[in-house]
Amino acid sequence: YVYEQYRDGEITSDDDVAVMLDMDT
């Protein structure tokens, strides 16, 4: 789904999939 959303231009930015991440866990 997420790939298709990017491919079809429904989402365009890395902000659409970005999350705050705890790099340890």
mmCIF file of all heavy atoms, coordinates in Angstrom:
data_MODEL
# 
_entry.id   MODEL 
# 
loop_
_atom_site.group_PDB 
_atom_site.id 
_atom_site.type_symbol 
_atom_site.label_atom_id 
_atom_site.label_alt_id 
_atom_site.label_comp_id 
_atom_site.label_asym_id 
_atom_site.label_entity_id 
_atom_site.label_seq_id 
_atom_site.pdbx_PDB_ins_code 
_atom_site.Cartn_x 
_atom_site.Cartn_y 
_atom_site.Cartn_z 
_atom_site.occupancy 
_atom_site.B_iso_or_equiv 
_atom_site.pdbx_formal_charge 
_atom_site.auth_seq_id 
_atom_site.auth_comp_id 
_atom_site.auth_asym_id 
_atom_site.auth_atom_id 
_atom_site.pdbx_PDB_model_num 
ATOM 1   N N   . TYR A 1 1  ? 0.815  -1.215 0.000  1.00 0.00 ? 1  TYR A N   1 
ATOM 2   C CA  . TYR A 1 1  ? 0.000  0.000  0.000  1.00 0.00 ? 1  TYR A CA  1 
ATOM 3   C C   . TYR A 1 1  ? 0.850  1.267  0.000  1.00 0.00 ? 1  TYR A C   1 
ATOM 4   O O   . TYR A 1 1  ? 0.598  2.188  -0.776 1.00 0.00 ? 1  TYR A O   1 
ATOM 5   C CB  . TYR A 1 1  ? -0.927 -0.023 1.220  1.00 0.00 ? 1  TYR A CB  1 
ATOM 6   C CG  . TYR A 1 1  ? -1.670 1.270  1.492  1.00 0.00 ? 1  TYR A CG  1 
ATOM 7   C CD1 . TYR A 1 1  ? -2.890 1.539  0.882  1.00 0.00 ? 1  TYR A CD1 1 
ATOM 8   C CD2 . TYR A 1 1  ? -1.163 2.224  2.385  1.00 0.00 ? 1  TYR A CD2 1 
ATOM 9   C CE1 . TYR A 1 1  ? -3.584 2.721  1.129  1.00 0.00 ? 1  TYR A CE1 1 
ATOM 10  C CE2 . TYR A 1 1  ? -1.842 3.407  2.641  1.00 0.00 ? 1  TYR A CE2 1 
ATOM 11  C CZ  . TYR A 1 1  ? -3.048 3.647  2.004  1.00 0.00 ? 1  TYR A CZ  1 
ATOM 12  O OH  . TYR A 1 1  ? -3.715 4.824  2.254  1.00 0.00 ? 1  TYR A OH  1 
ATOM 13  N N   . VAL A 1 2  ? 1.841  1.332  0.875  1.00 0.00 ? 2  VAL A N   1 
ATOM 14  C CA  . VAL A 1 2  ? 2.625  2.570  1.004  1.00 0.00 ? 2  VAL A CA  1 
ATOM 15  C C   . VAL A 1 2  ? 3.407  2.829  -0.285 1.00 0.00 ? 2  VAL A C   1 
ATOM 16  O O   . VAL A 1 2  ? 3.450  3.962  -0.782 1.00 0.00 ? 2  VAL A O   1 
ATOM 17  C CB  . VAL A 1 2  ? 3.570  2.509  2.219  1.00 0.00 ? 2  VAL A CB  1 
ATOM 18  C CG1 . VAL A 1 2  ? 4.359  3.812  2.339  1.00 0.00 ? 2  VAL A CG1 1 
ATOM 19  C CG2 . VAL A 1 2  ? 2.784  2.253  3.505  1.00 0.00 ? 2  VAL A CG2 1 
ATOM 20  N N   . TYR A 1 3  ? 4.002  1.784  -0.849 1.00 0.00 ? 3  TYR A N   1 
ATOM 21  C CA  . TYR A 1 3  ? 4.687  1.930  -2.136 1.00 0.00 ? 3  TYR A CA  1 
ATOM 22  C C   . TYR A 1 3  ? 3.721  2.461  -3.191 1.00 0.00 ? 3  TYR A C   1 
ATOM 23  O O   . TYR A 1 3  ? 4.059  3.386  -3.948 1.00 0.00 ? 3  TYR A O   1 
ATOM 24  C CB  . TYR A 1 3  ? 5.275  0.586  -2.577 1.00 0.00 ? 3  TYR A CB  1 
ATOM 25  C CG  . TYR A 1 3  ? 5.522  0.502  -4.060 1.00 0.00 ? 3  TYR A CG  1 
ATOM 26  C CD1 . TYR A 1 3  ? 6.535  1.251  -4.663 1.00 0.00 ? 3  TYR A CD1 1 
ATOM 27  C CD2 . TYR A 1 3  ? 4.713  -0.299 -4.878 1.00 0.00 ? 3  TYR A CD2 1 
ATOM 28  C CE1 . TYR A 1 3  ? 6.740  1.195  -6.038 1.00 0.00 ? 3  TYR A CE1 1 
ATOM 29  C CE2 . TYR A 1 3  ? 4.918  -0.356 -6.244 1.00 0.00 ? 3  TYR A CE2 1 
ATOM 30  C CZ  . TYR A 1 3  ? 5.933  0.391  -6.819 1.00 0.00 ? 3  TYR A CZ  1 
ATOM 31  O OH  . TYR A 1 3  ? 6.125  0.347  -8.176 1.00 0.00 ? 3  TYR A OH  1 
ATOM 32  N N   . GLU A 1 4  ? 2.529  1.886  -3.269 1.00 0.00 ? 4  GLU A N   1 
ATOM 33  C CA  . GLU A 1 4  ? 1.551  2.311  -4.275 1.00 0.00 ? 4  GLU A CA  1 
ATOM 34  C C   . GLU A 1 4  ? 1.122  3.758  -4.062 1.00 0.00 ? 4  GLU A C   1 
ATOM 35  O O   . GLU A 1 4  ? 0.889  4.506  -5.023 1.00 0.00 ? 4  GLU A O   1 
ATOM 36  C CB  . GLU A 1 4  ? 0.344  1.378  -4.250 1.00 0.00 ? 4  GLU A CB  1 
ATOM 37  C CG  . GLU A 1 4  ? 0.672  -0.029 -4.734 1.00 0.00 ? 4  GLU A CG  1 
ATOM 38  C CD  . GLU A 1 4  ? -0.436 -1.024 -4.466 1.00 0.00 ? 4  GLU A CD  1 
ATOM 39  O OE1 . GLU A 1 4  ? -1.472 -0.622 -3.879 1.00 0.00 ? 4  GLU A OE1 1 
ATOM 40  O OE2 . GLU A 1 4  ? -0.277 -2.210 -4.838 1.00 0.00 ? 4  GLU A OE2 1 
ATOM 41  N N   . GLN A 1 5  ? 1.033  4.183  -2.794 1.00 0.00 ? 5  GLN A N   1 
ATOM 42  C CA  . GLN A 1 5  ? 0.685  5.576  -2.494 1.00 0.00 ? 5  GLN A CA  1 
ATOM 43  C C   . GLN A 1 5  ? 1.760  6.528  -3.021 1.00 0.00 ? 5  GLN A C   1 
ATOM 44  O O   . GLN A 1 5  ? 1.454  7.560  -3.603 1.00 0.00 ? 5  GLN A O   1 
ATOM 45  C CB  . GLN A 1 5  ? 0.518  5.749  -0.985 1.00 0.00 ? 5  GLN A CB  1 
ATOM 46  C CG  . GLN A 1 5  ? -0.730 5.108  -0.409 1.00 0.00 ? 5  GLN A CG  1 
ATOM 47  C CD  . GLN A 1 5  ? -1.983 5.919  -0.673 1.00 0.00 ? 5  GLN A CD  1 
ATOM 48  O OE1 . GLN A 1 5  ? -2.118 7.047  -0.206 1.00 0.00 ? 5  GLN A OE1 1 
ATOM 49  N NE2 . GLN A 1 5  ? -2.892 5.367  -1.442 1.00 0.00 ? 5  GLN A NE2 1 
ATOM 50  N N   . TYR A 1 6  ? 3.022  6.172  -2.822 1.00 0.00 ? 6  TYR A N   1 
ATOM 51  C CA  . TYR A 1 6  ? 4.120  6.984  -3.384 1.00 0.00 ? 6  TYR A CA  1 
ATOM 52  C C   . TYR A 1 6  ? 4.112  6.925  -4.904 1.00 0.00 ? 6  TYR A C   1 
ATOM 53  O O   . TYR A 1 6  ? 4.226  7.953  -5.587 1.00 0.00 ? 6  TYR A O   1 
ATOM 54  C CB  . TYR A 1 6  ? 5.476  6.492  -2.860 1.00 0.00 ? 6  TYR A CB  1 
ATOM 55  C CG  . TYR A 1 6  ? 5.883  7.064  -1.529 1.00 0.00 ? 6  TYR A CG  1 
ATOM 56  C CD1 . TYR A 1 6  ? 6.125  6.233  -0.432 1.00 0.00 ? 6  TYR A CD1 1 
ATOM 57  C CD2 . TYR A 1 6  ? 6.055  8.439  -1.350 1.00 0.00 ? 6  TYR A CD2 1 
ATOM 58  C CE1 . TYR A 1 6  ? 6.522  6.749  0.794  1.00 0.00 ? 6  TYR A CE1 1 
ATOM 59  C CE2 . TYR A 1 6  ? 6.446  8.965  -0.129 1.00 0.00 ? 6  TYR A CE2 1 
ATOM 60  C CZ  . TYR A 1 6  ? 6.677  8.120  0.936  1.00 0.00 ? 6  TYR A CZ  1 
ATOM 61  O OH  . TYR A 1 6  ? 7.062  8.638  2.139  1.00 0.00 ? 6  TYR A OH  1 
ATOM 62  N N   . ARG A 1 7  ? 4.002  5.727  -5.443 1.00 0.00 ? 7  ARG A N   1 
ATOM 63  C CA  . ARG A 1 7  ? 4.030  5.548  -6.909 1.00 0.00 ? 7  ARG A CA  1 
ATOM 64  C C   . ARG A 1 7  ? 2.951  6.373  -7.604 1.00 0.00 ? 7  ARG A C   1 
ATOM 65  O O   . ARG A 1 7  ? 3.196  6.984  -8.656 1.00 0.00 ? 7  ARG A O   1 
ATOM 66  C CB  . ARG A 1 7  ? 3.840  4.062  -7.233 1.00 0.00 ? 7  ARG A CB  1 
ATOM 67  C CG  . ARG A 1 7  ? 3.853  3.724  -8.713 1.00 0.00 ? 7  ARG A CG  1 
ATOM 68  C CD  . ARG A 1 7  ? 3.276  2.347  -8.957 1.00 0.00 ? 7  ARG A CD  1 
ATOM 69  N NE  . ARG A 1 7  ? 1.857  2.293  -8.583 1.00 0.00 ? 7  ARG A NE  1 
ATOM 70  C CZ  . ARG A 1 7  ? 1.160  1.168  -8.462 1.00 0.00 ? 7  ARG A CZ  1 
ATOM 71  N NH1 . ARG A 1 7  ? 1.755  0.008  -8.629 1.00 0.00 ? 7  ARG A NH1 1 
ATOM 72  N NH2 . ARG A 1 7  ? -0.133 1.214  -8.133 1.00 0.00 ? 7  ARG A NH2 1 
ATOM 73  N N   . ASP A 1 8  ? 1.763  6.420  -6.997 1.00 0.00 ? 8  ASP A N   1 
ATOM 74  C CA  . ASP A 1 8  ? 0.625  7.094  -7.615 1.00 0.00 ? 8  ASP A CA  1 
ATOM 75  C C   . ASP A 1 8  ? 0.543  8.575  -7.260 1.00 0.00 ? 8  ASP A C   1 
ATOM 76  O O   . ASP A 1 8  ? -0.387 9.262  -7.676 1.00 0.00 ? 8  ASP A O   1 
ATOM 77  C CB  . ASP A 1 8  ? -0.672 6.396  -7.207 1.00 0.00 ? 8  ASP A CB  1 
ATOM 78  C CG  . ASP A 1 8  ? -0.725 4.945  -7.680 1.00 0.00 ? 8  ASP A CG  1 
ATOM 79  O OD1 . ASP A 1 8  ? 0.049  4.589  -8.592 1.00 0.00 ? 8  ASP A OD1 1 
ATOM 80  O OD2 . ASP A 1 8  ? -1.530 4.165  -7.124 1.00 0.00 ? 8  ASP A OD2 1 
ATOM 81  N N   . GLY A 1 9  ? 1.494  9.063  -6.464 1.00 0.00 ? 9  GLY A N   1 
ATOM 82  C CA  . GLY A 1 9  ? 1.516  10.480 -6.117 1.00 0.00 ? 9  GLY A CA  1 
ATOM 83  C C   . GLY A 1 9  ? 0.530  10.878 -5.040 1.00 0.00 ? 9  GLY A C   1 
ATOM 84  O O   . GLY A 1 9  ? 0.313  12.067 -4.805 1.00 0.00 ? 9  GLY A O   1 
ATOM 85  N N   . GLU A 1 10 ? -0.065 9.893  -4.351 1.00 0.00 ? 10 GLU A N   1 
ATOM 86  C CA  . GLU A 1 10 ? -1.007 10.193 -3.274 1.00 0.00 ? 10 GLU A CA  1 
ATOM 87  C C   . GLU A 1 10 ? -0.262 10.745 -2.048 1.00 0.00 ? 10 GLU A C   1 
ATOM 88  O O   . GLU A 1 10 ? -0.813 11.533 -1.283 1.00 0.00 ? 10 GLU A O   1 
ATOM 89  C CB  . GLU A 1 10 ? -1.792 8.948  -2.889 1.00 0.00 ? 10 GLU A CB  1 
ATOM 90  C CG  . GLU A 1 10 ? -2.721 8.425  -3.975 1.00 0.00 ? 10 GLU A CG  1 
ATOM 91  C CD  . GLU A 1 10 ? -3.832 9.393  -4.301 1.00 0.00 ? 10 GLU A CD  1 
ATOM 92  O OE1 . GLU A 1 10 ? -4.326 10.059 -3.372 1.00 0.00 ? 10 GLU A OE1 1 
ATOM 93  O OE2 . GLU A 1 10 ? -4.202 9.492  -5.479 1.00 0.00 ? 10 GLU A OE2 1 
ATOM 94  N N   . ILE A 1 11 ? 0.964  10.285 -1.847 1.00 0.00 ? 11 ILE A N   1 
ATOM 95  C CA  . ILE A 1 11 ? 1.862  10.867 -0.853 1.00 0.00 ? 11 ILE A CA  1 
ATOM 96  C C   . ILE A 1 11 ? 3.182  11.146 -1.555 1.00 0.00 ? 11 ILE A C   1 
ATOM 97  O O   . ILE A 1 11 ? 3.522  10.486 -2.541 1.00 0.00 ? 11 ILE A O   1 
ATOM 98  C CB  . ILE A 1 11 ? 2.071  9.953  0.379  1.00 0.00 ? 11 ILE A CB  1 
ATOM 99  C CG1 . ILE A 1 11 ? 2.637  8.582  -0.031 1.00 0.00 ? 11 ILE A CG1 1 
ATOM 100 C CG2 . ILE A 1 11 ? 0.771  9.778  1.139  1.00 0.00 ? 11 ILE A CG2 1 
ATOM 101 C CD1 . ILE A 1 11 ? 2.942  7.667  1.141  1.00 0.00 ? 11 ILE A CD1 1 
ATOM 102 N N   . THR A 1 12 ? 3.928  12.119 -1.068 1.00 0.00 ? 12 THR A N   1 
ATOM 103 C CA  . THR A 1 12 ? 5.113  12.547 -1.813 1.00 0.00 ? 12 THR A CA  1 
ATOM 104 C C   . THR A 1 12 ? 6.343  12.790 -0.944 1.00 0.00 ? 12 THR A C   1 
ATOM 105 O O   . THR A 1 12 ? 7.455  12.845 -1.467 1.00 0.00 ? 12 THR A O   1 
ATOM 106 C CB  . THR A 1 12 ? 4.818  13.856 -2.574 1.00 0.00 ? 12 THR A CB  1 
ATOM 107 O OG1 . THR A 1 12 ? 4.388  14.862 -1.632 1.00 0.00 ? 12 THR A OG1 1 
ATOM 108 C CG2 . THR A 1 12 ? 3.719  13.658 -3.609 1.00 0.00 ? 12 THR A CG2 1 
ATOM 109 N N   . SER A 1 13 ? 6.166  12.921 0.353  1.00 0.00 ? 13 SER A N   1 
ATOM 110 C CA  . SER A 1 13 ? 7.259  13.343 1.221  1.00 0.00 ? 13 SER A CA  1 
ATOM 111 C C   . SER A 1 13 ? 7.706  12.220 2.155  1.00 0.00 ? 13 SER A C   1 
ATOM 112 O O   . SER A 1 13 ? 6.910  11.339 2.507  1.00 0.00 ? 13 SER A O   1 
ATOM 113 C CB  . SER A 1 13 ? 6.800  14.545 2.064  1.00 0.00 ? 13 SER A CB  1 
ATOM 114 O OG  . SER A 1 13 ? 7.717  14.830 3.090  1.00 0.00 ? 13 SER A OG  1 
ATOM 115 N N   . ASP A 1 14 ? 8.985  12.265 2.565  1.00 0.00 ? 14 ASP A N   1 
ATOM 116 C CA  . ASP A 1 14 ? 9.431  11.290 3.567  1.00 0.00 ? 14 ASP A CA  1 
ATOM 117 C C   . ASP A 1 14 ? 8.723  11.522 4.893  1.00 0.00 ? 14 ASP A C   1 
ATOM 118 O O   . ASP A 1 14 ? 8.642  10.626 5.729  1.00 0.00 ? 14 ASP A O   1 
ATOM 119 C CB  . ASP A 1 14 ? 10.954 11.300 3.747  1.00 0.00 ? 14 ASP A CB  1 
ATOM 120 C CG  . ASP A 1 14 ? 11.522 12.634 4.185  1.00 0.00 ? 14 ASP A CG  1 
ATOM 121 O OD1 . ASP A 1 14 ? 10.744 13.547 4.517  1.00 0.00 ? 14 ASP A OD1 1 
ATOM 122 O OD2 . ASP A 1 14 ? 12.759 12.756 4.201  1.00 0.00 ? 14 ASP A OD2 1 
ATOM 123 N N   . ASP A 1 15 ? 8.150  12.719 5.087  1.00 0.00 ? 15 ASP A N   1 
ATOM 124 C CA  . ASP A 1 15 ? 7.385  13.011 6.307  1.00 0.00 ? 15 ASP A CA  1 
ATOM 125 C C   . ASP A 1 15 ? 6.170  12.095 6.441  1.00 0.00 ? 15 ASP A C   1 
ATOM 126 O O   . ASP A 1 15 ? 5.697  11.842 7.547  1.00 0.00 ? 15 ASP A O   1 
ATOM 127 C CB  . ASP A 1 15 ? 6.934  14.476 6.293  1.00 0.00 ? 15 ASP A CB  1 
ATOM 128 C CG  . ASP A 1 15 ? 6.132  14.859 7.529  1.00 0.00 ? 15 ASP A CG  1 
ATOM 129 O OD1 . ASP A 1 15 ? 6.726  14.911 8.620  1.00 0.00 ? 15 ASP A OD1 1 
ATOM 130 O OD2 . ASP A 1 15 ? 4.912  15.087 7.403  1.00 0.00 ? 15 ASP A OD2 1 
ATOM 131 N N   . ASP A 1 16 ? 5.676  11.584 5.324  1.00 0.00 ? 16 ASP A N   1 
ATOM 132 C CA  . ASP A 1 16 ? 4.486  10.735 5.368  1.00 0.00 ? 16 ASP A CA  1 
ATOM 133 C C   . ASP A 1 16 ? 4.747  9.407  6.077  1.00 0.00 ? 16 ASP A C   1 
ATOM 134 O O   . ASP A 1 16 ? 3.810  8.783  6.575  1.00 0.00 ? 16 ASP A O   1 
ATOM 135 C CB  . ASP A 1 16 ? 3.977  10.468 3.952  1.00 0.00 ? 16 ASP A CB  1 
ATOM 136 C CG  . ASP A 1 16 ? 3.363  11.704 3.324  1.00 0.00 ? 16 ASP A CG  1 
ATOM 137 O OD1 . ASP A 1 16 ? 2.203  12.009 3.646  1.00 0.00 ? 16 ASP A OD1 1 
ATOM 138 O OD2 . ASP A 1 16 ? 4.041  12.377 2.532  1.00 0.00 ? 16 ASP A OD2 1 
ATOM 139 N N   . VAL A 1 17 ? 5.994  8.947  6.076  1.00 0.00 ? 17 VAL A N   1 
ATOM 140 C CA  . VAL A 1 17 ? 6.302  7.667  6.733  1.00 0.00 ? 17 VAL A CA  1 
ATOM 141 C C   . VAL A 1 17 ? 7.234  7.832  7.933  1.00 0.00 ? 17 VAL A C   1 
ATOM 142 O O   . VAL A 1 17 ? 7.530  6.869  8.635  1.00 0.00 ? 17 VAL A O   1 
ATOM 143 C CB  . VAL A 1 17 ? 6.930  6.657  5.739  1.00 0.00 ? 17 VAL A CB  1 
ATOM 144 C CG1 . VAL A 1 17 ? 5.891  6.210  4.724  1.00 0.00 ? 17 VAL A CG1 1 
ATOM 145 C CG2 . VAL A 1 17 ? 8.151  7.232  5.044  1.00 0.00 ? 17 VAL A CG2 1 
ATOM 146 N N   . ALA A 1 18 ? 7.699  9.053  8.175  1.00 0.00 ? 18 ALA A N   1 
ATOM 147 C CA  . ALA A 1 18 ? 8.656  9.286  9.252  1.00 0.00 ? 18 ALA A CA  1 
ATOM 148 C C   . ALA A 1 18 ? 8.008  9.123  10.622 1.00 0.00 ? 18 ALA A C   1 
ATOM 149 O O   . ALA A 1 18 ? 6.843  9.479  10.833 1.00 0.00 ? 18 ALA A O   1 
ATOM 150 C CB  . ALA A 1 18 ? 9.243  10.697 9.140  1.00 0.00 ? 18 ALA A CB  1 
ATOM 151 N N   . VAL A 1 19 ? 8.785  8.567  11.555 1.00 0.00 ? 19 VAL A N   1 
ATOM 152 C CA  . VAL A 1 19 ? 8.357  8.460  12.947 1.00 0.00 ? 19 VAL A CA  1 
ATOM 153 C C   . VAL A 1 19 ? 9.518  8.828  13.856 1.00 0.00 ? 19 VAL A C   1 
ATOM 154 O O   . VAL A 1 19 ? 10.681 8.753  13.472 1.00 0.00 ? 19 VAL A O   1 
ATOM 155 C CB  . VAL A 1 19 ? 7.862  7.040  13.315 1.00 0.00 ? 19 VAL A CB  1 
ATOM 156 C CG1 . VAL A 1 19 ? 6.622  6.673  12.540 1.00 0.00 ? 19 VAL A CG1 1 
ATOM 157 C CG2 . VAL A 1 19 ? 8.958  6.005  13.107 1.00 0.00 ? 19 VAL A CG2 1 
ATOM 158 N N   . MET A 1 20 ? 9.185  9.219  15.079 1.00 0.00 ? 20 MET A N   1 
ATOM 159 C CA  . MET A 1 20 ? 10.194 9.383  16.119 1.00 0.00 ? 20 MET A CA  1 
ATOM 160 C C   . MET A 1 20 ? 10.607 7.997  16.569 1.00 0.00 ? 20 MET A C   1 
ATOM 161 O O   . MET A 1 20 ? 9.758  7.165  16.898 1.00 0.00 ? 20 MET A O   1 
ATOM 162 C CB  . MET A 1 20 ? 9.616  10.180 17.293 1.00 0.00 ? 20 MET A CB  1 
ATOM 163 C CG  . MET A 1 20 ? 10.633 10.512 18.367 1.00 0.00 ? 20 MET A CG  1 
ATOM 164 S SD  . MET A 1 20 ? 11.890 11.651 17.768 1.00 0.00 ? 20 MET A SD  1 
ATOM 165 C CE  . MET A 1 20 ? 12.787 11.953 19.304 1.00 0.00 ? 20 MET A CE  1 
ATOM 166 N N   . LEU A 1 21 ? 11.912 7.724  16.565 1.00 0.00 ? 21 LEU A N   1 
ATOM 167 C CA  . LEU A 1 21 ? 12.404 6.369  16.783 1.00 0.00 ? 21 LEU A CA  1 
ATOM 168 C C   . LEU A 1 21 ? 13.361 6.315  17.961 1.00 0.00 ? 21 LEU A C   1 
ATOM 169 O O   . LEU A 1 21 ? 14.255 7.148  18.079 1.00 0.00 ? 21 LEU A O   1 
ATOM 170 C CB  . LEU A 1 21 ? 13.120 5.884  15.518 1.00 0.00 ? 21 LEU A CB  1 
ATOM 171 C CG  . LEU A 1 21 ? 13.846 4.548  15.565 1.00 0.00 ? 21 LEU A CG  1 
ATOM 172 C CD1 . LEU A 1 21 ? 12.853 3.415  15.790 1.00 0.00 ? 21 LEU A CD1 1 
ATOM 173 C CD2 . LEU A 1 21 ? 14.622 4.329  14.270 1.00 0.00 ? 21 LEU A CD2 1 
ATOM 174 N N   . ASP A 1 22 ? 13.131 5.326  18.841 1.00 0.00 ? 22 ASP A N   1 
ATOM 175 C CA  . ASP A 1 22 ? 14.106 5.028  19.882 1.00 0.00 ? 22 ASP A CA  1 
ATOM 176 C C   . ASP A 1 22 ? 15.129 4.087  19.260 1.00 0.00 ? 22 ASP A C   1 
ATOM 177 O O   . ASP A 1 22 ? 14.834 2.922  18.981 1.00 0.00 ? 22 ASP A O   1 
ATOM 178 C CB  . ASP A 1 22 ? 13.408 4.348  21.077 1.00 0.00 ? 22 ASP A CB  1 
ATOM 179 C CG  . ASP A 1 22 ? 14.350 4.098  22.245 1.00 0.00 ? 22 ASP A CG  1 
ATOM 180 O OD1 . ASP A 1 22 ? 15.513 3.738  21.996 1.00 0.00 ? 22 ASP A OD1 1 
ATOM 181 O OD2 . ASP A 1 22 ? 13.910 4.236  23.402 1.00 0.00 ? 22 ASP A OD2 1 
ATOM 182 N N   . MET A 1 23 ? 16.344 4.584  19.012 1.00 0.00 ? 23 MET A N   1 
ATOM 183 C CA  . MET A 1 23 ? 17.336 3.803  18.292 1.00 0.00 ? 23 MET A CA  1 
ATOM 184 C C   . MET A 1 23 ? 17.831 2.608  19.093 1.00 0.00 ? 23 MET A C   1 
ATOM 185 O O   . MET A 1 23 ? 18.380 1.661  18.527 1.00 0.00 ? 23 MET A O   1 
ATOM 186 C CB  . MET A 1 23 ? 18.513 4.691  17.878 1.00 0.00 ? 23 MET A CB  1 
ATOM 187 C CG  . MET A 1 23 ? 18.182 5.688  16.774 1.00 0.00 ? 23 MET A CG  1 
ATOM 188 S SD  . MET A 1 23 ? 17.613 4.887  15.245 1.00 0.00 ? 23 MET A SD  1 
ATOM 189 C CE  . MET A 1 23 ? 19.094 4.010  14.726 1.00 0.00 ? 23 MET A CE  1 
ATOM 190 N N   . ASP A 1 24 ? 17.659 2.636  20.406 1.00 0.00 ? 24 ASP A N   1 
ATOM 191 C CA  . ASP A 1 24 ? 18.093 1.499  21.223 1.00 0.00 ? 24 ASP A CA  1 
ATOM 192 C C   . ASP A 1 24 ? 17.113 0.332  21.155 1.00 0.00 ? 24 ASP A C   1 
ATOM 193 O O   . ASP A 1 24 ? 17.507 -0.829 21.049 1.00 0.00 ? 24 ASP A O   1 
ATOM 194 C CB  . ASP A 1 24 ? 18.291 1.930  22.683 1.00 0.00 ? 24 ASP A CB  1 
ATOM 195 C CG  . ASP A 1 24 ? 19.445 2.904  22.845 1.00 0.00 ? 24 ASP A CG  1 
ATOM 196 O OD1 . ASP A 1 24 ? 20.439 2.777  22.103 1.00 0.00 ? 24 ASP A OD1 1 
ATOM 197 O OD2 . ASP A 1 24 ? 19.353 3.800  23.709 1.00 0.00 ? 24 ASP A OD2 1 
ATOM 198 N N   . THR A 1 25 ? 15.815 0.652  21.213 1.00 0.00 ? 25 THR A N   1 
ATOM 199 C CA  . THR A 1 25 ? 14.795 -0.396 21.225 1.00 0.00 ? 25 THR A CA  1 
ATOM 200 C C   . THR A 1 25 ? 14.102 -0.573 19.874 1.00 0.00 ? 25 THR A C   1 
ATOM 201 O O   . THR A 1 25 ? 13.359 -1.537 19.687 1.00 0.00 ? 25 THR A O   1 
ATOM 202 C CB  . THR A 1 25 ? 13.720 -0.090 22.278 1.00 0.00 ? 25 THR A CB  1 
ATOM 203 O OG1 . THR A 1 25 ? 13.023 1.118  21.892 1.00 0.00 ? 25 THR A OG1 1 
ATOM 204 C CG2 . THR A 1 25 ? 14.333 0.112  23.651 1.00 0.00 ? 25 THR A CG2 1 
# 
